Amino acid sequence: MFDFHVHSSFSEDCEVAMEDMVKAAIEKGIQELCFTEHIDKDYPDRDWTFDLDLNKYRLKIREMQSAFGHKIKVRKGVELGVQPHVLDDYRRIVDEEPFDFIICSMHATKGFDLHSGKFFEAKSLDQAYEEYYSELLACIRDFDRFSILGHLDLVTRYKYEPGVKSLLDIIEEIFKLIIPNGQGIEINTSGFYYGLGRVLPSVDILKLYKEMGGEILTIGSDAHKPERLGEYYDHAVDVLKTIGFHYVATFENQKPVFHKI
């Protein structure tokens, strides 16, 4: 198993020590673990400050690699919460700090965070989804310093109703940018934890990615607790096999390494 979306107490929304996450991953038989701590500049909910002490983080990752490297590969990643006005900050960060793996995620749209529900107020769900994917597309057009797109249809985790537009036309434009650029998408299994009963993104998006020639896929639990590490990994692999994918990727020095499934 490979878990390439994991948080520890270096992230604002997690209280678990990195050592405890690593030890739990070893117990679960995970071969490679990538910490992807949050940086979410100017996050709209002022109760949360998603900054990352990069110096302490760098030292802690090295400590984990030294202490546990004979049992598990520990990778240094980051999850960047993109908004159009913070992209220059992210360019500077990734220029100055080396990472094995960079997730590009969108947790806030039009200046509103998804979590509180404010983003969905005074608009139809079709309109909300279109705004979400359109702003993500705009960010990707202006920022390409990432390895994969995280939980591409995250917006559906916060509000979903049957019959909402799929908006695959906008997602197709996103794939037209990232696939030729050697960037991928993740299979995020947290959809089960949050009650969706599926991985993120949905199967129709994964099929579109396959049809357009996409090959780079990582699997991540988005775990903030040790017991969730590697969650639904086998299910994610089965989904990929059913669609026709043959490999899952890990990353080292921002280069994909492919593993046959």
C-alpha atoms as a PDB file:
ATOM      1  CA  MET A   1       0.000   0.000   0.000  1.00  0.00           C
ATOM      2  CA  PHE A   2       0.977   3.605  -0.667  1.00  0.00           C
ATOM      3  CA  ASP A   3      -0.731   6.493   1.105  1.00  0.00           C
ATOM      4  CA  PHE A   4       0.064   9.816  -0.545  1.00  0.00           C
ATOM      5  CA  HIS A   5      -2.283  12.170   1.271  1.00  0.00           C
ATOM      6  CA  VAL A   6      -1.647  12.228   5.010  1.00  0.00           C
ATOM      7  CA  HIS A   7      -1.602  14.917   7.698  1.00  0.00           C
ATOM      8  CA  SER A   8      -0.028  15.300  11.135  1.00  0.00           C
ATOM      9  CA  SER A   9       0.133  17.993  13.810  1.00  0.00           C
ATOM     10  CA  PHE A  10       2.042  20.149  11.334  1.00  0.00           C
ATOM     11  CA  SER A  11      -1.382  20.805   9.787  1.00  0.00           C
ATOM     12  CA  GLU A  12      -3.785  23.159  11.544  1.00  0.00           C
ATOM     13  CA  ASP A  13      -6.625  20.637  11.510  1.00  0.00           C
ATOM     14  CA  CYS A  14      -4.686  17.668  12.933  1.00  0.00           C
ATOM     15  CA  GLU A  15      -3.393  16.993  16.441  1.00  0.00           C
ATOM     16  CA  VAL A  16      -1.563  13.689  15.886  1.00  0.00           C
ATOM     17  CA  ALA A  17       2.233  13.600  16.148  1.00  0.00           C
ATOM     18  CA  MET A  18       4.065  12.615  12.985  1.00  0.00           C
ATOM     19  CA  GLU A  19       5.747   9.716  14.815  1.00  0.00           C
ATOM     20  CA  ASP A  20       2.354   8.226  15.650  1.00  0.00           C
ATOM     21  CA  MET A  21       1.227   8.409  12.042  1.00  0.00           C
ATOM     22  CA  VAL A  22       4.405   6.715  10.839  1.00  0.00           C
ATOM     23  CA  LYS A  23       4.191   3.939  13.451  1.00  0.00           C
ATOM     24  CA  ALA A  24       0.535   3.281  12.566  1.00  0.00           C
ATOM     25  CA  ALA A  25       1.395   3.148   8.865  1.00  0.00           C
ATOM     26  CA  ILE A  26       4.082   0.540   9.533  1.00  0.00           C
ATOM     27  CA  GLU A  27       1.618  -1.555  11.528  1.00  0.00           C
ATOM     28  CA  LYS A  28      -0.839  -1.404   8.643  1.00  0.00           C
ATOM     29  CA  GLY A  29       1.764  -2.585   6.146  1.00  0.00           C
ATOM     30  CA  ILE A  30       1.981   0.667   4.212  1.00  0.00           C
ATOM     31  CA  GLN A  31       5.201   0.707   2.203  1.00  0.00           C
ATOM     32  CA  GLU A  32       5.372   4.391   1.359  1.00  0.00           C
ATOM     33  CA  LEU A  33       3.843   7.324   3.230  1.00  0.00           C
ATOM     34  CA  CYS A  34       3.771  10.930   2.084  1.00  0.00           C
ATOM     35  CA  PHE A  35       2.932  13.710   4.488  1.00  0.00           C
ATOM     36  CA  THR A  36       1.044  16.448   2.661  1.00  0.00           C
ATOM     37  CA  GLU A  37       0.656  19.158   5.271  1.00  0.00           C
ATOM     38  CA  HIS A  38      -1.651  22.073   4.585  1.00  0.00           C
ATOM     39  CA  ILE A  39      -0.654  25.468   3.311  1.00  0.00           C
ATOM     40  CA  ASP A  40      -3.848  27.434   2.656  1.00  0.00           C
ATOM     41  CA  LYS A  41      -2.934  31.082   2.321  1.00  0.00           C
ATOM     42  CA  ASP A  42      -5.674  33.604   3.165  1.00  0.00           C
ATOM     43  CA  TYR A  43      -8.135  30.882   4.112  1.00  0.00           C
ATOM     44  CA  PRO A  44     -11.523  32.621   4.529  1.00  0.00           C
ATOM     45  CA  ASP A  45     -12.443  31.060   7.878  1.00  0.00           C
ATOM     46  CA  ARG A  46     -10.356  33.143  10.286  1.00  0.00           C
ATOM     47  CA  ASP A  47     -10.641  30.489  12.996  1.00  0.00           C
ATOM     48  CA  TRP A  48      -8.128  28.441  11.000  1.00  0.00           C
ATOM     49  CA  THR A  49      -4.588  29.422  10.013  1.00  0.00           C
ATOM     50  CA  PHE A  50      -3.193  26.934   7.543  1.00  0.00           C
ATOM     51  CA  ASP A  51       0.456  27.961   7.617  1.00  0.00           C
ATOM     52  CA  LEU A  52       3.360  25.533   7.777  1.00  0.00           C
ATOM     53  CA  ASP A  53       6.671  25.983   9.582  1.00  0.00           C
ATOM     54  CA  LEU A  54       8.826  24.750   6.731  1.00  0.00           C
ATOM     55  CA  ASN A  55      12.070  24.654   8.711  1.00  0.00           C
ATOM     56  CA  LYS A  56      10.629  22.479  11.489  1.00  0.00           C
ATOM     57  CA  TYR A  57       8.782  20.365   8.933  1.00  0.00           C
ATOM     58  CA  ARG A  58      11.945  19.704   6.929  1.00  0.00           C
ATOM     59  CA  LEU A  59      13.827  18.620  10.061  1.00  0.00           C
ATOM     60  CA  LYS A  60      11.002  16.394  11.282  1.00  0.00           C
ATOM     61  CA  ILE A  61      10.699  14.593   7.956  1.00  0.00           C
ATOM     62  CA  ARG A  62      14.436  13.899   8.003  1.00  0.00           C
ATOM     63  CA  GLU A  63      14.111  12.605  11.557  1.00  0.00           C
ATOM     64  CA  MET A  64      11.326  10.222  10.495  1.00  0.00           C
ATOM     65  CA  GLN A  65      13.315   9.033   7.494  1.00  0.00           C
ATOM     66  CA  SER A  66      16.319   8.336   9.695  1.00  0.00           C
ATOM     67  CA  ALA A  67      14.356   6.619  12.452  1.00  0.00           C
ATOM     68  CA  PHE A  68      11.984   4.531  10.326  1.00  0.00           C
ATOM     69  CA  GLY A  69      13.596   4.352   6.884  1.00  0.00           C
ATOM     70  CA  HIS A  70      14.419   0.658   7.327  1.00  0.00           C
ATOM     71  CA  LYS A  71      10.688  -0.089   7.644  1.00  0.00           C
ATOM     72  CA  ILE A  72       8.888   2.476   5.478  1.00  0.00           C
ATOM     73  CA  LYS A  73       9.623   5.182   2.918  1.00  0.00           C
ATOM     74  CA  VAL A  74       8.596   8.574   4.276  1.00  0.00           C
ATOM     75  CA  ARG A  75       8.131  11.320   1.702  1.00  0.00           C
ATOM     76  CA  LYS A  76       7.875  15.069   2.144  1.00  0.00           C
ATOM     77  CA  GLY A  77       4.842  16.567   0.478  1.00  0.00           C
ATOM     78  CA  VAL A  78       2.556  19.563   0.766  1.00  0.00           C
ATOM     79  CA  GLU A  79      -1.078  20.335   0.015  1.00  0.00           C
ATOM     80  CA  LEU A  80      -1.514  23.815  -1.440  1.00  0.00           C
ATOM     81  CA  GLY A  81      -4.992  25.295  -1.130  1.00  0.00           C
ATOM     82  CA  VAL A  82      -5.217  27.414  -4.262  1.00  0.00           C
ATOM     83  CA  GLN A  83      -7.073  30.669  -4.764  1.00  0.00           C
ATOM     84  CA  PRO A  84      -6.307  33.061  -7.639  1.00  0.00           C
ATOM     85  CA  HIS A  85      -4.725  35.750  -5.456  1.00  0.00           C
ATOM     86  CA  VAL A  86      -2.284  33.507  -3.536  1.00  0.00           C
ATOM     87  CA  LEU A  87      -0.541  31.785  -6.433  1.00  0.00           C
ATOM     88  CA  ASP A  88       2.526  34.048  -6.367  1.00  0.00           C
ATOM     89  CA  ASP A  89       3.093  33.012  -2.744  1.00  0.00           C
ATOM     90  CA  TYR A  90       2.982  29.369  -3.757  1.00  0.00           C
ATOM     91  CA  ARG A  91       5.411  29.879  -6.615  1.00  0.00           C
ATOM     92  CA  ARG A  92       7.878  31.367  -4.164  1.00  0.00           C
ATOM     93  CA  ILE A  93       7.395  28.520  -1.680  1.00  0.00           C
ATOM     94  CA  VAL A  94       7.954  25.706  -4.167  1.00  0.00           C
ATOM     95  CA  ASP A  95      10.939  27.545  -5.673  1.00  0.00           C
ATOM     96  CA  GLU A  96      12.589  27.843  -2.263  1.00  0.00           C
ATOM     97  CA  GLU A  97      11.577  24.559  -0.610  1.00  0.00           C
ATOM     98  CA  PRO A  98      12.089  21.096  -2.164  1.00  0.00           C
ATOM     99  CA  PHE A  99       9.181  18.654  -1.952  1.00  0.00           C
ATOM    100  CA  ASP A 100       8.766  15.101  -3.184  1.00  0.00           C
ATOM    101  CA  PHE A 101       5.107  15.675  -3.947  1.00  0.00           C
ATOM    102  CA  ILE A 102       2.770  18.667  -4.294  1.00  0.00           C
ATOM    103  CA  ILE A 103      -1.017  18.423  -4.162  1.00  0.00           C
ATOM    104  CA  CYS A 104      -3.037  21.237  -5.714  1.00  0.00           C
ATOM    105  CA  SER A 105      -6.383  21.487  -3.927  1.00  0.00           C
ATOM    106  CA  MET A 106      -9.177  24.024  -3.786  1.00  0.00           C
ATOM    107  CA  HIS A 107     -10.822  24.413  -0.382  1.00  0.00           C
ATOM    108  CA  ALA A 108     -12.259  27.898  -0.936  1.00  0.00           C
ATOM    109  CA  THR A 109     -13.954  29.535  -3.924  1.00  0.00           C
ATOM    110  CA  LYS A 110     -14.936  33.133  -4.626  1.00  0.00           C
ATOM    111  CA  GLY A 111     -13.558  34.097  -1.228  1.00  0.00           C
ATOM    112  CA  PHE A 112     -15.712  31.631   0.715  1.00  0.00           C
ATOM    113  CA  ASP A 113     -14.652  28.379   2.334  1.00  0.00           C
ATOM    114  CA  LEU A 114     -16.566  25.234   1.410  1.00  0.00           C
ATOM    115  CA  HIS A 115     -16.601  23.818   4.926  1.00  0.00           C
ATOM    116  CA  SER A 116     -18.898  26.400   6.555  1.00  0.00           C
ATOM    117  CA  GLY A 117     -21.417  26.269   3.719  1.00  0.00           C
ATOM    118  CA  LYS A 118     -21.209  30.017   3.045  1.00  0.00           C
ATOM    119  CA  PHE A 119     -20.062  29.395  -0.512  1.00  0.00           C
ATOM    120  CA  PHE A 120     -23.376  27.688  -1.328  1.00  0.00           C
ATOM    121  CA  GLU A 121     -25.637  30.453   0.004  1.00  0.00           C
ATOM    122  CA  ALA A 122     -27.868  32.465  -2.366  1.00  0.00           C
ATOM    123  CA  LYS A 123     -27.096  30.332  -5.428  1.00  0.00           C
ATOM    124  CA  SER A 124     -28.252  27.131  -7.051  1.00  0.00           C
ATOM    125  CA  LEU A 125     -26.107  24.043  -6.682  1.00  0.00           C
ATOM    126  CA  ASP A 126     -25.512  24.039 -10.447  1.00  0.00           C
ATOM    127  CA  GLN A 127     -24.176  27.589 -10.162  1.00  0.00           C
ATOM    128  CA  ALA A 128     -22.023  26.698  -7.165  1.00  0.00           C
ATOM    129  CA  TYR A 129     -20.436  23.750  -8.940  1.00  0.00           C
ATOM    130  CA  GLU A 130     -19.779  25.797 -12.066  1.00  0.00           C
ATOM    131  CA  GLU A 131     -18.097  28.526 -10.012  1.00  0.00           C
ATOM    132  CA  TYR A 132     -15.968  25.948  -8.201  1.00  0.00           C
ATOM    133  CA  TYR A 133     -14.655  24.179 -11.296  1.00  0.00           C
ATOM    134  CA  SER A 134     -14.252  27.418 -13.274  1.00  0.00           C
ATOM    135  CA  GLU A 135     -12.124  28.987 -10.543  1.00  0.00           C
ATOM    136  CA  LEU A 136     -10.052  25.813 -10.247  1.00  0.00           C
ATOM    137  CA  LEU A 137      -9.488  25.913 -14.012  1.00  0.00           C
ATOM    138  CA  ALA A 138      -8.421  29.560 -13.786  1.00  0.00           C
ATOM    139  CA  CYS A 139      -5.926  28.714 -11.046  1.00  0.00           C
ATOM    140  CA  ILE A 140      -4.442  25.847 -13.042  1.00  0.00           C
ATOM    141  CA  ARG A 141      -4.057  28.100 -16.075  1.00  0.00           C
ATOM    142  CA  ASP A 142      -1.948  30.422 -13.921  1.00  0.00           C
ATOM    143  CA  PHE A 143      -0.156  27.909 -11.718  1.00  0.00           C
ATOM    144  CA  ASP A 144       1.397  24.607 -12.773  1.00  0.00           C
ATOM    145  CA  ARG A 145       3.853  23.884  -9.967  1.00  0.00           C
ATOM    146  CA  PHE A 146       2.159  20.753  -8.638  1.00  0.00           C
ATOM    147  CA  SER A 147       2.239  16.982  -9.015  1.00  0.00           C
ATOM    148  CA  ILE A 148      -1.453  16.092  -8.910  1.00  0.00           C
ATOM    149  CA  LEU A 149      -4.892  17.589  -8.358  1.00  0.00           C
ATOM    150  CA  GLY A 150      -6.315  16.614  -4.980  1.00  0.00           C
ATOM    151  CA  HIS A 151      -9.909  15.364  -4.505  1.00  0.00           C
ATOM    152  CA  LEU A 152     -10.955  17.016  -7.762  1.00  0.00           C
ATOM    153  CA  ASP A 153     -14.691  17.037  -6.982  1.00  0.00           C
ATOM    154  CA  LEU A 154     -14.283  18.027  -3.332  1.00  0.00           C
ATOM    155  CA  VAL A 155     -17.202  20.442  -3.704  1.00  0.00           C
ATOM    156  CA  THR A 156     -19.570  17.450  -3.791  1.00  0.00           C
ATOM    157  CA  ARG A 157     -18.463  16.416  -0.295  1.00  0.00           C
ATOM    158  CA  TYR A 158     -20.035  19.497   1.217  1.00  0.00           C
ATOM    159  CA  LYS A 159     -23.294  19.601  -0.706  1.00  0.00           C
ATOM    160  CA  TYR A 160     -24.743  17.201  -3.230  1.00  0.00           C
ATOM    161  CA  GLU A 161     -28.121  16.540  -4.796  1.00  0.00           C
ATOM    162  CA  PRO A 162     -29.030  14.068  -7.571  1.00  0.00           C
ATOM    163  CA  GLY A 163     -29.406  15.677 -10.962  1.00  0.00           C
ATOM    164  CA  VAL A 164     -26.796  18.382 -10.564  1.00  0.00           C
ATOM    165  CA  LYS A 165     -24.872  19.172 -13.743  1.00  0.00           C
ATOM    166  CA  SER A 166     -21.767  17.003 -14.088  1.00  0.00           C
ATOM    167  CA  LEU A 167     -19.804  19.871 -15.698  1.00  0.00           C
ATOM    168  CA  LEU A 168     -17.497  17.394 -17.395  1.00  0.00           C
ATOM    169  CA  ASP A 169     -16.904  20.026 -20.083  1.00  0.00           C
ATOM    170  CA  ILE A 170     -15.000  22.216 -17.598  1.00  0.00           C
ATOM    171  CA  ILE A 171     -13.204  19.195 -16.140  1.00  0.00           C
ATOM    172  CA  GLU A 172     -12.201  18.221 -19.670  1.00  0.00           C
ATOM    173  CA  GLU A 173     -10.545  21.639 -20.052  1.00  0.00           C
ATOM    174  CA  ILE A 174      -8.672  20.991 -16.802  1.00  0.00           C
ATOM    175  CA  PHE A 175      -7.428  17.643 -18.110  1.00  0.00           C
ATOM    176  CA  LYS A 176      -6.357  19.240 -21.391  1.00  0.00           C
ATOM    177  CA  LEU A 177      -3.951  21.325 -19.338  1.00  0.00           C
ATOM    178  CA  ILE A 178      -2.581  18.829 -16.825  1.00  0.00           C
ATOM    179  CA  ILE A 179      -2.256  15.631 -18.886  1.00  0.00           C
ATOM    180  CA  PRO A 180       0.212  17.016 -21.476  1.00  0.00           C
ATOM    181  CA  ASN A 181       2.061  18.695 -18.615  1.00  0.00           C
ATOM    182  CA  GLY A 182       2.769  15.373 -16.898  1.00  0.00           C
ATOM    183  CA  GLN A 183       0.495  16.043 -13.946  1.00  0.00           C
ATOM    184  CA  GLY A 184      -2.037  13.645 -12.498  1.00  0.00           C
ATOM    185  CA  ILE A 185      -4.986  13.318 -10.173  1.00  0.00           C
ATOM    186  CA  GLU A 186      -5.454  11.544  -6.881  1.00  0.00           C
ATOM    187  CA  ILE A 187      -7.939   8.916  -5.801  1.00  0.00           C
ATOM    188  CA  ASN A 188      -8.954  10.249  -2.400  1.00  0.00           C
ATOM    189  CA  THR A 189     -10.729   7.661  -0.275  1.00  0.00           C
ATOM    190  CA  SER A 190     -12.084  10.137   2.309  1.00  0.00           C
ATOM    191  CA  GLY A 191     -15.419  10.123   0.509  1.00  0.00           C
ATOM    192  CA  PHE A 192     -16.285   7.034   2.535  1.00  0.00           C
ATOM    193  CA  TYR A 193     -15.362   8.710   5.823  1.00  0.00           C
ATOM    194  CA  TYR A 194     -17.558  11.700   4.991  1.00  0.00           C
ATOM    195  CA  GLY A 195     -20.556   9.610   3.987  1.00  0.00           C
ATOM    196  CA  LEU A 196     -20.445   9.819   0.183  1.00  0.00           C
ATOM    197  CA  GLY A 197     -19.898   6.076  -0.179  1.00  0.00           C
ATOM    198  CA  ARG A 198     -17.332   6.532  -2.953  1.00  0.00           C
ATOM    199  CA  VAL A 199     -13.879   7.806  -3.757  1.00  0.00           C
ATOM    200  CA  LEU A 200     -13.144  11.343  -4.904  1.00  0.00           C
ATOM    201  CA  PRO A 201     -13.322  12.059  -7.767  1.00  0.00           C
ATOM    202  CA  SER A 202     -16.345  10.127  -9.001  1.00  0.00           C
ATOM    203  CA  VAL A 203     -16.104   7.305 -11.529  1.00  0.00           C
ATOM    204  CA  ASP A 204     -17.347   9.435 -14.445  1.00  0.00           C
ATOM    205  CA  ILE A 205     -14.451  11.852 -13.893  1.00  0.00           C
ATOM    206  CA  LEU A 206     -11.964   8.986 -13.624  1.00  0.00           C
ATOM    207  CA  LYS A 207     -13.307   7.508 -16.874  1.00  0.00           C
ATOM    208  CA  LEU A 208     -12.901  10.868 -18.611  1.00  0.00           C
ATOM    209  CA  TYR A 209      -9.321  11.085 -17.357  1.00  0.00           C
ATOM    210  CA  LYS A 210      -8.628   7.609 -18.795  1.00  0.00           C
ATOM    211  CA  GLU A 211     -10.297   8.427 -22.136  1.00  0.00           C
ATOM    212  CA  MET A 212      -8.142  11.554 -22.471  1.00  0.00           C
ATOM    213  CA  GLY A 213      -4.927   9.599 -21.935  1.00  0.00           C
ATOM    214  CA  GLY A 214      -4.333  10.336 -18.261  1.00  0.00           C
ATOM    215  CA  GLU A 215      -2.048   7.849 -16.529  1.00  0.00           C
ATOM    216  CA  ILE A 216      -0.723   9.435 -13.318  1.00  0.00           C
ATOM    217  CA  LEU A 217      -2.843   8.439 -10.321  1.00  0.00           C
ATOM    218  CA  THR A 218      -1.983   8.468  -6.638  1.00  0.00           C
ATOM    219  CA  ILE A 219      -4.061   7.016  -3.813  1.00  0.00           C
ATOM    220  CA  GLY A 220      -4.496   8.953  -0.583  1.00  0.00           C
ATOM    221  CA  SER A 221      -6.599   8.486   2.518  1.00  0.00           C
ATOM    222  CA  ASP A 222      -6.511  12.164   3.543  1.00  0.00           C
ATOM    223  CA  ALA A 223      -6.024  10.756   7.039  1.00  0.00           C
ATOM    224  CA  HIS A 224      -5.914  13.081  10.025  1.00  0.00           C
ATOM    225  CA  LYS A 225      -6.033  10.127  12.438  1.00  0.00           C
ATOM    226  CA  PRO A 226      -3.824   7.003  12.559  1.00  0.00           C
ATOM    227  CA  GLU A 227      -6.745   4.596  12.227  1.00  0.00           C
ATOM    228  CA  ARG A 228      -7.689   6.090   8.863  1.00  0.00           C
ATOM    229  CA  LEU A 229      -4.329   5.486   7.183  1.00  0.00           C
ATOM    230  CA  GLY A 230      -4.656   3.338   4.066  1.00  0.00           C
ATOM    231  CA  GLU A 231      -8.434   3.429   4.400  1.00  0.00           C
ATOM    232  CA  TYR A 232     -10.291   1.779   1.473  1.00  0.00           C
ATOM    233  CA  TYR A 233      -7.045   1.327  -0.426  1.00  0.00           C
ATOM    234  CA  ASP A 234      -8.100  -2.017  -1.909  1.00  0.00           C
ATOM    235  CA  HIS A 235     -11.404  -0.529  -3.015  1.00  0.00           C
ATOM    236  CA  ALA A 236      -9.580   2.310  -4.781  1.00  0.00           C
ATOM    237  CA  VAL A 237      -7.382  -0.192  -6.603  1.00  0.00           C
ATOM    238  CA  ASP A 238     -10.470  -2.183  -7.668  1.00  0.00           C
ATOM    239  CA  VAL A 239     -12.082   0.985  -9.045  1.00  0.00           C
ATOM    240  CA  LEU A 240      -8.970   1.753 -11.080  1.00  0.00           C
ATOM    241  CA  LYS A 241      -8.767  -1.802 -12.428  1.00  0.00           C
ATOM    242  CA  THR A 242     -12.426  -1.756 -13.438  1.00  0.00           C
ATOM    243  CA  ILE A 243     -11.922   1.451 -15.427  1.00  0.00           C
ATOM    244  CA  GLY A 244      -8.834   0.012 -17.116  1.00  0.00           C
ATOM    245  CA  PHE A 245      -5.905   1.589 -15.321  1.00  0.00           C
ATOM    246  CA  HIS A 246      -2.849  -0.611 -14.771  1.00  0.00           C
ATOM    247  CA  TYR A 247      -0.623   1.472 -12.518  1.00  0.00           C
ATOM    248  CA  VAL A 248      -0.678   3.619  -9.408  1.00  0.00           C
ATOM    249  CA  ALA A 249       1.998   6.255  -8.866  1.00  0.00           C
ATOM    250  CA  THR A 250       4.161   7.412  -6.013  1.00  0.00           C
ATOM    251  CA  PHE A 251       6.460  10.437  -6.191  1.00  0.00           C
ATOM    252  CA  GLU A 252      10.081  11.134  -5.363  1.00  0.00           C
ATOM    253  CA  ASN A 253      11.638  14.552  -6.043  1.00  0.00           C
ATOM    254  CA  GLN A 254       8.401  15.436  -7.870  1.00  0.00           C
ATOM    255  CA  LYS A 255       8.926  12.599 -10.353  1.00  0.00           C
ATOM    256  CA  PRO A 256       6.308   9.832 -10.663  1.00  0.00           C
ATOM    257  CA  VAL A 257       7.251   6.219  -9.988  1.00  0.00           C
ATOM    258  CA  PHE A 258       4.769   3.715 -11.404  1.00  0.00           C
ATOM    259  CA  HIS A 259       3.669   0.521  -9.643  1.00  0.00           C
ATOM    260  CA  LYS A 260       1.655  -2.160 -11.410  1.00  0.00           C
ATOM    261  CA  ILE A 261      -1.663  -2.993  -9.747  1.00  0.00           C
END
